[in-house]
């Protein structure tokens, strides 16, 4: 494995770590919203909002 291949792999690894951290943060936020009852009827309110905007 030459230097350029190692650098590409390092960049890919850094990118993977970054997006894994972003995913963890989003999942944690969703879990917190679920615990607080904020996700119970999210699909109903967004559907209602989009219908009200179109009228």
N, C-alpha and C. Protein backbone atom coordinates (compact mmCIF):
# COMPACT_ATOMS: atom_id res chain seq x y z
N UNK A 1 0.85 -1.17 0.00
CA UNK A 1 0.00 0.00 0.00
C UNK A 1 0.90 1.24 0.00
N UNK A 2 0.65 2.11 -0.95
CA UNK A 2 1.49 3.30 -1.04
C UNK A 2 0.88 4.46 -0.23
N UNK A 3 1.58 5.56 -0.23
CA UNK A 3 1.21 6.71 0.59
C UNK A 3 -0.16 7.27 0.22
N UNK A 4 -0.44 7.40 -1.09
CA UNK A 4 -1.72 7.98 -1.50
C UNK A 4 -2.89 7.10 -1.08
N UNK A 5 -2.74 5.80 -1.14
CA UNK A 5 -3.79 4.90 -0.69
C UNK A 5 -4.03 5.04 0.81
N UNK A 6 -2.94 5.18 1.57
CA UNK A 6 -3.08 5.37 3.01
C UNK A 6 -3.80 6.68 3.33
N UNK A 7 -3.48 7.73 2.59
CA UNK A 7 -4.13 9.01 2.83
C UNK A 7 -5.62 8.95 2.47
N UNK A 8 -5.96 8.26 1.40
CA UNK A 8 -7.37 8.09 1.04
C UNK A 8 -8.11 7.32 2.13
N UNK A 9 -7.49 6.27 2.63
CA UNK A 9 -8.11 5.47 3.70
C UNK A 9 -8.28 6.29 4.97
N UNK A 10 -7.27 7.12 5.26
CA UNK A 10 -7.36 7.96 6.45
C UNK A 10 -8.51 8.96 6.31
N UNK A 11 -8.63 9.56 5.13
CA UNK A 11 -9.72 10.51 4.89
C UNK A 11 -11.07 9.84 5.00
N UNK A 12 -11.18 8.64 4.46
CA UNK A 12 -12.44 7.88 4.54
C UNK A 12 -12.76 7.55 5.98
N UNK A 13 -11.76 7.14 6.75
CA UNK A 13 -11.97 6.81 8.17
C UNK A 13 -12.43 8.03 8.95
N UNK A 14 -11.82 9.19 8.70
CA UNK A 14 -12.22 10.41 9.39
C UNK A 14 -13.66 10.78 9.03
N UNK A 15 -14.00 10.62 7.75
CA UNK A 15 -15.36 10.91 7.31
C UNK A 15 -16.36 9.96 7.97
N UNK A 16 -16.02 8.70 8.02
CA UNK A 16 -16.90 7.70 8.65
C UNK A 16 -17.11 8.02 10.13
N UNK A 17 -16.04 8.41 10.82
CA UNK A 17 -16.16 8.76 12.23
C UNK A 17 -17.05 10.00 12.42
N UNK A 18 -16.88 10.98 11.56
CA UNK A 18 -17.68 12.20 11.65
C UNK A 18 -19.17 11.88 11.50
N UNK A 19 -19.51 11.13 10.46
CA UNK A 19 -20.91 10.83 10.22
C UNK A 19 -21.49 9.87 11.26
N UNK A 20 -20.68 9.00 11.80
CA UNK A 20 -21.14 8.12 12.88
C UNK A 20 -21.51 8.95 14.11
N UNK A 21 -20.71 9.96 14.41
CA UNK A 21 -21.01 10.84 15.54
C UNK A 21 -22.29 11.64 15.28
N UNK A 22 -22.47 12.11 14.05
CA UNK A 22 -23.69 12.82 13.70
C UNK A 22 -24.91 11.91 13.87
N UNK A 23 -24.79 10.68 13.41
CA UNK A 23 -25.89 9.72 13.56
C UNK A 23 -26.21 9.46 15.03
N UNK A 24 -25.17 9.30 15.85
CA UNK A 24 -25.39 9.07 17.28
C UNK A 24 -26.13 10.24 17.92
N UNK A 25 -25.75 11.45 17.55
CA UNK A 25 -26.40 12.64 18.11
C UNK A 25 -27.86 12.71 17.68
N UNK A 26 -28.15 12.40 16.43
CA UNK A 26 -29.53 12.43 15.96
C UNK A 26 -30.37 11.35 16.63
N UNK A 27 -29.81 10.17 16.78
CA UNK A 27 -30.54 9.08 17.44
C UNK A 27 -30.82 9.44 18.90
N UNK A 28 -29.84 10.03 19.56
CA UNK A 28 -30.04 10.45 20.95
C UNK A 28 -31.13 11.50 21.04
N UNK A 29 -31.14 12.45 20.10
CA UNK A 29 -32.17 13.48 20.10
C UNK A 29 -33.55 12.87 19.88
N UNK A 30 -33.64 11.90 18.98
CA UNK A 30 -34.92 11.22 18.75
C UNK A 30 -35.38 10.47 19.98
N UNK A 31 -34.45 9.80 20.66
CA UNK A 31 -34.80 9.09 21.88
C UNK A 31 -35.30 10.06 22.96
N UNK A 32 -34.64 11.20 23.07
CA UNK A 32 -35.08 12.20 24.04
C UNK A 32 -36.46 12.73 23.70
N UNK A 33 -36.71 12.97 22.42
CA UNK A 33 -38.03 13.45 22.00
C UNK A 33 -39.09 12.38 22.29
N UNK A 34 -38.73 11.13 22.08
CA UNK A 34 -39.67 10.04 22.34
C UNK A 34 -39.98 9.94 23.84
N UNK A 35 -38.96 10.09 24.68
CA UNK A 35 -39.18 10.06 26.12
C UNK A 35 -40.07 11.20 26.58
N UNK A 36 -39.94 12.37 25.95
CA UNK A 36 -40.72 13.54 26.33
C UNK A 36 -42.10 13.56 25.68
N UNK A 37 -42.43 12.55 24.90
CA UNK A 37 -43.72 12.48 24.26
C UNK A 37 -43.89 13.39 23.07
N UNK A 38 -42.81 13.88 22.52
CA UNK A 38 -42.88 14.81 21.40
C UNK A 38 -43.04 14.10 20.05
N UNK A 39 -42.88 12.78 20.02
CA UNK A 39 -42.98 12.05 18.77
C UNK A 39 -44.28 11.28 18.63
N UNK A 40 -45.17 11.39 19.58
CA UNK A 40 -46.40 10.61 19.57
C UNK A 40 -47.23 10.84 18.32
N UNK A 41 -47.46 12.08 17.98
CA UNK A 41 -48.34 12.40 16.86
C UNK A 41 -47.67 13.30 15.83
N UNK A 42 -46.39 13.15 15.63
CA UNK A 42 -45.66 14.04 14.73
C UNK A 42 -46.19 13.94 13.31
N UNK A 43 -46.58 12.76 12.86
CA UNK A 43 -47.05 12.59 11.50
C UNK A 43 -48.42 13.24 11.28
N UNK A 44 -49.22 13.30 12.31
CA UNK A 44 -50.54 13.91 12.18
C UNK A 44 -50.43 15.42 12.09
N UNK A 45 -49.58 16.02 12.91
CA UNK A 45 -49.46 17.47 12.92
C UNK A 45 -48.83 17.97 11.63
N UNK A 46 -47.84 17.27 11.09
CA UNK A 46 -47.21 17.74 9.86
C UNK A 46 -48.16 17.58 8.67
N UNK A 47 -48.98 16.54 8.67
CA UNK A 47 -49.97 16.35 7.61
C UNK A 47 -51.01 17.45 7.67
N UNK A 48 -51.46 17.76 8.87
CA UNK A 48 -52.45 18.82 9.06
C UNK A 48 -51.87 20.18 8.63
N UNK A 49 -50.64 20.44 8.99
CA UNK A 49 -49.99 21.71 8.64
C UNK A 49 -49.87 21.86 7.13
N UNK A 50 -49.50 20.79 6.43
CA UNK A 50 -49.32 20.89 4.98
C UNK A 50 -50.67 21.07 4.28
N UNK A 51 -51.74 20.48 4.83
CA UNK A 51 -53.07 20.68 4.25
C UNK A 51 -53.54 22.12 4.47
N UNK A 52 -53.26 22.68 5.62
CA UNK A 52 -53.69 24.04 5.93
C UNK A 52 -52.93 25.04 5.04
N UNK A 53 -51.68 24.77 4.74
CA UNK A 53 -50.90 25.68 3.90
C UNK A 53 -51.38 25.66 2.45
N UNK A 54 -51.84 24.49 1.99
CA UNK A 54 -52.26 24.38 0.59
C UNK A 54 -53.61 25.04 0.34
N UNK A 55 -54.38 25.30 1.39
CA UNK A 55 -55.72 25.90 1.19
C UNK A 55 -55.67 27.37 1.17
